[in-house]
Amino acid sequence: MPFAINQIKPLVLTFAMLLAAVINCGRASAAPSQTAIFAGGCFWCVEADFESVPGVLNVVSGFTGGKVANPTYKQVTRGGTGHVEAAKITFDPDRVSYATLVSLFFRSVDPTDAGGQFCDRGASYATAIFVSNSAQDAVARAEASRAQKALGQKIVTPIRKAAPFYPAEASHQDYYKKTSIVLTRFGPRTKAEAYKRYRKACGRDTRVRQLWGKNAPFIKGSS
């Protein structure tokens, strides 16, 4: 019996070392997550759209592009901070590419409008792509060129160097799916219901469908 145990122990140790090597190899080969930052008007809508994309791990609504640190929603929408509403998208590059996300972004907004988006007017609702390195810059510009050719209209969405990103208040995160009650002009509604009413009334999907037709990725029944 002692002889058998002495033989088994090295085998177990060898197996454990091989298993650890396989696990570490798998971890080493998996690409680290990356981020994309898009400003597309109301950040509730951008968050809702991109959280439905396979390979997207997380989306945070917030503000970027300005000079005021840790701004509030009221400060940004009132104007003067230089910030725009934006969404920070964390994604798995093994499952979805940055180019695909940029392409989806262009086709989910009105990139011909420099004055805001849909019913939301003003600088804080303008579109923009914020790039963190030269590779993202090159991809964003290439996708902008493709989108402009596909649309047949001039795209005015700027490609800007990434600036500090400040998450919006917790009440704005995942707004489109929350069940907490808010008071609207239609009376008390869940945030999810209020979001649907806002999106429809603002004309976002109508305008995107008008521009992109069947190529609008987040609108059901696009034609």
C-alpha atoms as a PDB file:
ATOM      1  CA  MET A   1       0.000   0.000   0.000  1.00  0.00           C
ATOM      2  CA  PRO A   2       2.746   2.556   0.864  1.00  0.00           C
ATOM      3  CA  PHE A   3       4.405   1.807  -2.489  1.00  0.00           C
ATOM      4  CA  ALA A   4       1.130   2.469  -4.392  1.00  0.00           C
ATOM      5  CA  ILE A   5       0.519   5.767  -2.606  1.00  0.00           C
ATOM      6  CA  ASN A   6       4.058   6.903  -3.334  1.00  0.00           C
ATOM      7  CA  GLN A   7       3.441   6.229  -7.014  1.00  0.00           C
ATOM      8  CA  ILE A   8       0.080   7.997  -7.087  1.00  0.00           C
ATOM      9  CA  LYS A   9       1.265  11.227  -5.441  1.00  0.00           C
ATOM     10  CA  PRO A  10       3.655  12.202  -8.261  1.00  0.00           C
ATOM     11  CA  LEU A  11       0.928  11.458 -10.820  1.00  0.00           C
ATOM     12  CA  VAL A  12      -1.552  13.673  -8.984  1.00  0.00           C
ATOM     13  CA  LEU A  13       1.024  16.440  -8.733  1.00  0.00           C
ATOM     14  CA  THR A  14       1.853  16.167 -12.431  1.00  0.00           C
ATOM     15  CA  PHE A  15      -1.833  16.280 -13.371  1.00  0.00           C
ATOM     16  CA  ALA A  16      -2.382  19.354 -11.185  1.00  0.00           C
ATOM     17  CA  MET A  17       0.559  21.122 -12.806  1.00  0.00           C
ATOM     18  CA  LEU A  18      -0.722  20.307 -16.304  1.00  0.00           C
ATOM     19  CA  LEU A  19      -4.208  21.525 -15.414  1.00  0.00           C
ATOM     20  CA  ALA A  20      -2.823  24.789 -14.043  1.00  0.00           C
ATOM     21  CA  ALA A  21      -0.769  25.252 -17.207  1.00  0.00           C
ATOM     22  CA  VAL A  22      -3.840  24.760 -19.401  1.00  0.00           C
ATOM     23  CA  ILE A  23      -5.872  27.255 -17.342  1.00  0.00           C
ATOM     24  CA  ASN A  24      -3.090  29.834 -17.418  1.00  0.00           C
ATOM     25  CA  CYS A  25      -2.657  29.344 -21.140  1.00  0.00           C
ATOM     26  CA  GLY A  26      -6.357  29.990 -21.659  1.00  0.00           C
ATOM     27  CA  ARG A  27      -6.178  33.134 -19.565  1.00  0.00           C
ATOM     28  CA  ALA A  28      -3.132  34.352 -21.448  1.00  0.00           C
ATOM     29  CA  SER A  29      -4.748  33.841 -24.840  1.00  0.00           C
ATOM     30  CA  ALA A  30      -7.956  35.692 -23.946  1.00  0.00           C
ATOM     31  CA  ALA A  31      -7.788  39.332 -24.989  1.00  0.00           C
ATOM     32  CA  PRO A  32      -8.379  41.874 -22.218  1.00  0.00           C
ATOM     33  CA  SER A  33     -11.565  43.900 -22.341  1.00  0.00           C
ATOM     34  CA  GLN A  34     -11.524  47.243 -24.155  1.00  0.00           C
ATOM     35  CA  THR A  35     -13.631  50.398 -24.010  1.00  0.00           C
ATOM     36  CA  ALA A  36     -15.403  52.613 -26.505  1.00  0.00           C
ATOM     37  CA  ILE A  37     -16.932  55.995 -25.709  1.00  0.00           C
ATOM     38  CA  PHE A  38     -19.779  57.328 -27.824  1.00  0.00           C
ATOM     39  CA  ALA A  39     -21.936  60.418 -27.454  1.00  0.00           C
ATOM     40  CA  GLY A  40     -25.257  59.866 -29.178  1.00  0.00           C
ATOM     41  CA  GLY A  41     -27.746  62.217 -27.595  1.00  0.00           C
ATOM     42  CA  CYS A  42     -29.694  60.862 -24.633  1.00  0.00           C
ATOM     43  CA  PHE A  43     -27.383  58.421 -22.862  1.00  0.00           C
ATOM     44  CA  TRP A  44     -30.328  56.310 -21.687  1.00  0.00           C
ATOM     45  CA  CYS A  45     -30.890  55.350 -25.323  1.00  0.00           C
ATOM     46  CA  VAL A  46     -27.255  54.677 -26.159  1.00  0.00           C
ATOM     47  CA  GLU A  47     -26.956  52.504 -23.058  1.00  0.00           C
ATOM     48  CA  ALA A  48     -30.117  50.568 -23.908  1.00  0.00           C
ATOM     49  CA  ASP A  49     -29.006  49.990 -27.501  1.00  0.00           C
ATOM     50  CA  PHE A  50     -25.470  48.820 -26.813  1.00  0.00           C
ATOM     51  CA  GLU A  51     -26.250  46.617 -23.832  1.00  0.00           C
ATOM     52  CA  SER A  52     -28.103  44.420 -26.341  1.00  0.00           C
ATOM     53  CA  VAL A  53     -24.958  43.798 -28.431  1.00  0.00           C
ATOM     54  CA  PRO A  54     -23.330  40.370 -27.945  1.00  0.00           C
ATOM     55  CA  GLY A  55     -19.808  40.876 -26.648  1.00  0.00           C
ATOM     56  CA  VAL A  56     -20.608  44.095 -24.812  1.00  0.00           C
ATOM     57  CA  LEU A  57     -19.883  43.520 -21.128  1.00  0.00           C
ATOM     58  CA  ASN A  58     -21.096  46.754 -19.574  1.00  0.00           C
ATOM     59  CA  VAL A  59     -22.330  50.223 -20.489  1.00  0.00           C
ATOM     60  CA  VAL A  60     -22.153  53.248 -18.193  1.00  0.00           C
ATOM     61  CA  SER A  61     -24.011  56.503 -18.810  1.00  0.00           C
ATOM     62  CA  GLY A  62     -21.995  59.621 -18.110  1.00  0.00           C
ATOM     63  CA  PHE A  63     -20.366  62.804 -19.306  1.00  0.00           C
ATOM     64  CA  THR A  64     -17.135  63.634 -21.097  1.00  0.00           C
ATOM     65  CA  GLY A  65     -15.416  66.215 -23.261  1.00  0.00           C
ATOM     66  CA  GLY A  66     -15.696  69.164 -20.882  1.00  0.00           C
ATOM     67  CA  LYS A  67     -13.599  70.880 -18.257  1.00  0.00           C
ATOM     68  CA  VAL A  68     -15.788  70.545 -15.162  1.00  0.00           C
ATOM     69  CA  ALA A  69     -14.832  67.658 -12.875  1.00  0.00           C
ATOM     70  CA  ASN A  70     -17.594  65.372 -11.612  1.00  0.00           C
ATOM     71  CA  PRO A  71     -20.461  67.323 -13.161  1.00  0.00           C
ATOM     72  CA  THR A  72     -24.083  66.645 -12.298  1.00  0.00           C
ATOM     73  CA  TYR A  73     -26.788  65.886 -14.823  1.00  0.00           C
ATOM     74  CA  LYS A  74     -28.384  69.290 -14.179  1.00  0.00           C
ATOM     75  CA  GLN A  75     -25.090  71.089 -14.715  1.00  0.00           C
ATOM     76  CA  VAL A  76     -24.450  69.389 -18.039  1.00  0.00           C
ATOM     77  CA  THR A  77     -27.944  69.802 -19.457  1.00  0.00           C
ATOM     78  CA  ARG A  78     -28.064  73.431 -18.317  1.00  0.00           C
ATOM     79  CA  GLY A  79     -24.955  74.084 -20.437  1.00  0.00           C
ATOM     80  CA  GLY A  80     -21.591  75.685 -19.901  1.00  0.00           C
ATOM     81  CA  THR A  81     -19.618  72.628 -18.760  1.00  0.00           C
ATOM     82  CA  GLY A  82     -18.410  71.626 -22.226  1.00  0.00           C
ATOM     83  CA  HIS A  83     -19.523  68.060 -21.551  1.00  0.00           C
ATOM     84  CA  VAL A  84     -21.757  65.881 -23.692  1.00  0.00           C
ATOM     85  CA  GLU A  85     -23.902  62.997 -22.562  1.00  0.00           C
ATOM     86  CA  ALA A  86     -22.006  59.840 -23.450  1.00  0.00           C
ATOM     87  CA  ALA A  87     -21.808  56.124 -22.849  1.00  0.00           C
ATOM     88  CA  LYS A  88     -18.687  54.196 -21.887  1.00  0.00           C
ATOM     89  CA  ILE A  89     -18.897  50.731 -23.401  1.00  0.00           C
ATOM     90  CA  THR A  90     -16.736  47.888 -22.094  1.00  0.00           C
ATOM     91  CA  PHE A  91     -16.501  45.028 -24.574  1.00  0.00           C
ATOM     92  CA  ASP A  92     -14.791  41.730 -25.288  1.00  0.00           C
ATOM     93  CA  PRO A  93     -12.752  42.188 -28.508  1.00  0.00           C
ATOM     94  CA  ASP A  94     -12.803  38.424 -29.076  1.00  0.00           C
ATOM     95  CA  ARG A  95     -16.589  38.639 -29.493  1.00  0.00           C
ATOM     96  CA  VAL A  96     -17.187  42.055 -31.045  1.00  0.00           C
ATOM     97  CA  SER A  97     -14.727  44.415 -32.696  1.00  0.00           C
ATOM     98  CA  TYR A  98     -14.323  48.123 -32.122  1.00  0.00           C
ATOM     99  CA  ALA A  99     -15.063  48.663 -35.826  1.00  0.00           C
ATOM    100  CA  THR A 100     -18.387  46.869 -35.465  1.00  0.00           C
ATOM    101  CA  LEU A 101     -19.332  49.017 -32.485  1.00  0.00           C
ATOM    102  CA  VAL A 102     -18.487  52.222 -34.368  1.00  0.00           C
ATOM    103  CA  SER A 103     -20.509  51.040 -37.356  1.00  0.00           C
ATOM    104  CA  LEU A 104     -23.481  50.268 -35.095  1.00  0.00           C
ATOM    105  CA  PHE A 105     -23.128  53.658 -33.441  1.00  0.00           C
ATOM    106  CA  PHE A 106     -23.304  55.630 -36.677  1.00  0.00           C
ATOM    107  CA  ARG A 107     -26.409  53.710 -37.711  1.00  0.00           C
ATOM    108  CA  SER A 108     -28.131  54.312 -34.375  1.00  0.00           C
ATOM    109  CA  VAL A 109     -27.980  58.118 -34.440  1.00  0.00           C
ATOM    110  CA  ASP A 110     -28.423  61.041 -36.826  1.00  0.00           C
ATOM    111  CA  PRO A 111     -24.790  61.841 -37.637  1.00  0.00           C
ATOM    112  CA  THR A 112     -25.876  64.664 -39.970  1.00  0.00           C
ATOM    113  CA  ASP A 113     -27.190  66.785 -37.071  1.00  0.00           C
ATOM    114  CA  ALA A 114     -24.655  69.040 -35.345  1.00  0.00           C
ATOM    115  CA  GLY A 115     -27.179  70.745 -33.081  1.00  0.00           C
ATOM    116  CA  GLY A 116     -28.165  67.862 -30.834  1.00  0.00           C
ATOM    117  CA  GLN A 117     -30.135  64.676 -31.390  1.00  0.00           C
ATOM    118  CA  PHE A 118     -33.811  64.363 -32.226  1.00  0.00           C
ATOM    119  CA  CYS A 119     -35.914  66.362 -29.752  1.00  0.00           C
ATOM    120  CA  ASP A 120     -32.922  67.031 -27.497  1.00  0.00           C
ATOM    121  CA  ARG A 121     -31.222  70.200 -28.658  1.00  0.00           C
ATOM    122  CA  GLY A 122     -28.008  71.852 -27.583  1.00  0.00           C
ATOM    123  CA  ALA A 123     -24.305  71.095 -27.313  1.00  0.00           C
ATOM    124  CA  SER A 124     -24.662  68.577 -24.482  1.00  0.00           C
ATOM    125  CA  TYR A 125     -26.673  66.287 -26.792  1.00  0.00           C
ATOM    126  CA  ALA A 126     -24.295  66.442 -29.774  1.00  0.00           C
ATOM    127  CA  THR A 127     -22.816  63.275 -31.211  1.00  0.00           C
ATOM    128  CA  ALA A 128     -19.120  62.415 -30.950  1.00  0.00           C
ATOM    129  CA  ILE A 129     -16.743  59.477 -30.874  1.00  0.00           C
ATOM    130  CA  PHE A 130     -13.991  59.695 -28.261  1.00  0.00           C
ATOM    131  CA  VAL A 131     -10.891  57.673 -29.175  1.00  0.00           C
ATOM    132  CA  SER A 132      -8.228  56.585 -26.702  1.00  0.00           C
ATOM    133  CA  ASN A 133      -5.402  55.743 -29.122  1.00  0.00           C
ATOM    134  CA  SER A 134      -4.263  55.985 -32.731  1.00  0.00           C
ATOM    135  CA  ALA A 135      -5.713  52.578 -33.601  1.00  0.00           C
ATOM    136  CA  GLN A 136      -9.193  53.610 -32.482  1.00  0.00           C
ATOM    137  CA  ASP A 137      -8.792  56.915 -34.312  1.00  0.00           C
ATOM    138  CA  ALA A 138      -7.964  55.167 -37.580  1.00  0.00           C
ATOM    139  CA  VAL A 139     -10.860  52.740 -37.237  1.00  0.00           C
ATOM    140  CA  ALA A 140     -13.328  55.490 -36.322  1.00  0.00           C
ATOM    141  CA  ARG A 141     -12.336  57.599 -39.323  1.00  0.00           C
ATOM    142  CA  ALA A 142     -12.557  54.637 -41.678  1.00  0.00           C
ATOM    143  CA  GLU A 143     -16.026  53.734 -40.375  1.00  0.00           C
ATOM    144  CA  ALA A 144     -17.123  57.367 -40.631  1.00  0.00           C
ATOM    145  CA  SER A 145     -16.090  57.367 -44.279  1.00  0.00           C
ATOM    146  CA  ARG A 146     -17.996  54.131 -44.912  1.00  0.00           C
ATOM    147  CA  ALA A 147     -21.066  55.426 -43.121  1.00  0.00           C
ATOM    148  CA  GLN A 148     -21.018  58.672 -45.092  1.00  0.00           C
ATOM    149  CA  LYS A 149     -20.774  56.767 -48.362  1.00  0.00           C
ATOM    150  CA  ALA A 150     -23.618  54.438 -47.324  1.00  0.00           C
ATOM    151  CA  LEU A 151     -25.808  57.327 -46.181  1.00  0.00           C
ATOM    152  CA  GLY A 152     -25.057  59.626 -49.082  1.00  0.00           C
ATOM    153  CA  GLN A 153     -25.010  62.633 -46.757  1.00  0.00           C
ATOM    154  CA  LYS A 154     -22.258  64.512 -44.953  1.00  0.00           C
ATOM    155  CA  ILE A 155     -21.512  63.154 -41.499  1.00  0.00           C
ATOM    156  CA  VAL A 156     -20.724  65.873 -38.962  1.00  0.00           C
ATOM    157  CA  THR A 157     -20.046  63.660 -35.934  1.00  0.00           C
ATOM    158  CA  PRO A 158     -16.561  64.619 -34.715  1.00  0.00           C
ATOM    159  CA  ILE A 159     -13.885  62.157 -33.695  1.00  0.00           C
ATOM    160  CA  ARG A 160     -12.307  63.546 -30.553  1.00  0.00           C
ATOM    161  CA  LYS A 161      -9.457  62.575 -28.269  1.00  0.00           C
ATOM    162  CA  ALA A 162     -10.705  60.787 -25.168  1.00  0.00           C
ATOM    163  CA  ALA A 163     -11.088  62.983 -22.092  1.00  0.00           C
ATOM    164  CA  PRO A 164     -11.928  62.071 -18.486  1.00  0.00           C
ATOM    165  CA  PHE A 165     -15.250  60.245 -18.313  1.00  0.00           C
ATOM    166  CA  TYR A 166     -17.541  60.930 -15.365  1.00  0.00           C
ATOM    167  CA  PRO A 167     -20.369  58.467 -14.637  1.00  0.00           C
ATOM    168  CA  ALA A 168     -23.781  60.050 -14.241  1.00  0.00           C
ATOM    169  CA  GLU A 169     -25.754  59.708 -11.039  1.00  0.00           C
ATOM    170  CA  ALA A 170     -26.937  56.204 -10.098  1.00  0.00           C
ATOM    171  CA  SER A 171     -30.520  57.179 -10.931  1.00  0.00           C
ATOM    172  CA  HIS A 172     -29.553  57.431 -14.615  1.00  0.00           C
ATOM    173  CA  GLN A 173     -27.805  54.057 -14.902  1.00  0.00           C
ATOM    174  CA  ASP A 174     -29.887  51.337 -16.618  1.00  0.00           C
ATOM    175  CA  TYR A 175     -32.799  53.767 -16.634  1.00  0.00           C
ATOM    176  CA  TYR A 176     -34.491  51.910 -19.476  1.00  0.00           C
ATOM    177  CA  LYS A 177     -35.098  48.783 -17.414  1.00  0.00           C
ATOM    178  CA  LYS A 178     -35.705  50.054 -13.888  1.00  0.00           C
ATOM    179  CA  THR A 179     -38.997  49.457 -12.118  1.00  0.00           C
ATOM    180  CA  SER A 180     -38.773  52.339  -9.650  1.00  0.00           C
ATOM    181  CA  ILE A 181     -41.558  54.916 -10.013  1.00  0.00           C
ATOM    182  CA  VAL A 182     -41.051  58.447 -11.324  1.00  0.00           C
ATOM    183  CA  LEU A 183     -43.572  61.216 -11.888  1.00  0.00           C
ATOM    184  CA  THR A 184     -44.065  62.047 -15.571  1.00  0.00           C
ATOM    185  CA  ARG A 185     -46.504  64.246 -17.481  1.00  0.00           C
ATOM    186  CA  PHE A 186     -48.485  61.044 -17.980  1.00  0.00           C
ATOM    187  CA  GLY A 187     -48.613  60.462 -14.227  1.00  0.00           C
ATOM    188  CA  PRO A 188     -46.596  58.004 -12.115  1.00  0.00           C
ATOM    189  CA  ARG A 189     -44.724  55.501 -14.266  1.00  0.00           C
ATOM    190  CA  THR A 190     -41.860  53.076 -13.859  1.00  0.00           C
ATOM    191  CA  LYS A 191     -38.605  54.347 -15.295  1.00  0.00           C
ATOM    192  CA  ALA A 192     -38.815  51.639 -17.944  1.00  0.00           C
ATOM    193  CA  GLU A 193     -42.252  52.872 -19.042  1.00  0.00           C
ATOM    194  CA  ALA A 194     -41.156  56.509 -18.880  1.00  0.00           C
ATOM    195  CA  TYR A 195     -38.136  55.679 -21.037  1.00  0.00           C
ATOM    196  CA  LYS A 196     -40.261  54.035 -23.728  1.00  0.00           C
ATOM    197  CA  ARG A 197     -42.622  57.011 -23.833  1.00  0.00           C
ATOM    198  CA  TYR A 198     -39.734  59.463 -23.974  1.00  0.00           C
ATOM    199  CA  ARG A 199     -37.947  57.600 -26.761  1.00  0.00           C
ATOM    200  CA  LYS A 200     -41.084  57.448 -28.882  1.00  0.00           C
ATOM    201  CA  ALA A 201     -42.075  61.062 -28.270  1.00  0.00           C
ATOM    202  CA  CYS A 202     -38.552  62.286 -29.002  1.00  0.00           C
ATOM    203  CA  GLY A 203     -38.669  60.741 -32.480  1.00  0.00           C
ATOM    204  CA  ARG A 204     -35.381  58.907 -32.186  1.00  0.00           C
ATOM    205  CA  ASP A 205     -36.397  55.673 -33.871  1.00  0.00           C
ATOM    206  CA  THR A 206     -38.477  57.444 -36.514  1.00  0.00           C
ATOM    207  CA  ARG A 207     -35.552  59.596 -37.618  1.00  0.00           C
ATOM    208  CA  VAL A 208     -33.009  56.766 -37.484  1.00  0.00           C
ATOM    209  CA  ARG A 209     -35.327  54.569 -39.552  1.00  0.00           C
ATOM    210  CA  GLN A 210     -35.771  57.408 -42.040  1.00  0.00           C
ATOM    211  CA  LEU A 211     -32.010  57.769 -42.414  1.00  0.00           C
ATOM    212  CA  TRP A 212     -30.810  54.185 -42.284  1.00  0.00           C
ATOM    213  CA  GLY A 213     -33.809  52.027 -43.178  1.00  0.00           C
ATOM    214  CA  LYS A 214     -33.051  48.319 -42.940  1.00  0.00           C
ATOM    215  CA  ASN A 215     -29.521  49.131 -41.778  1.00  0.00           C
ATOM    216  CA  ALA A 216     -30.751  50.616 -38.480  1.00  0.00           C
ATOM    217  CA  PRO A 217     -29.516  47.928 -36.088  1.00  0.00           C
ATOM    218  CA  PHE A 218     -31.560  48.643 -32.959  1.00  0.00           C
ATOM    219  CA  ILE A 219     -34.996  49.324 -34.407  1.00  0.00           C
ATOM    220  CA  LYS A 220     -37.369  46.415 -34.740  1.00  0.00           C
ATOM    221  CA  GLY A 221     -39.003  46.119 -38.110  1.00  0.00           C
ATOM    222  CA  SER A 222     -36.627  48.538 -39.860  1.00  0.00           C
ATOM    223  CA  SER A 223     -37.294  48.635 -43.563  1.00  0.00           C
END
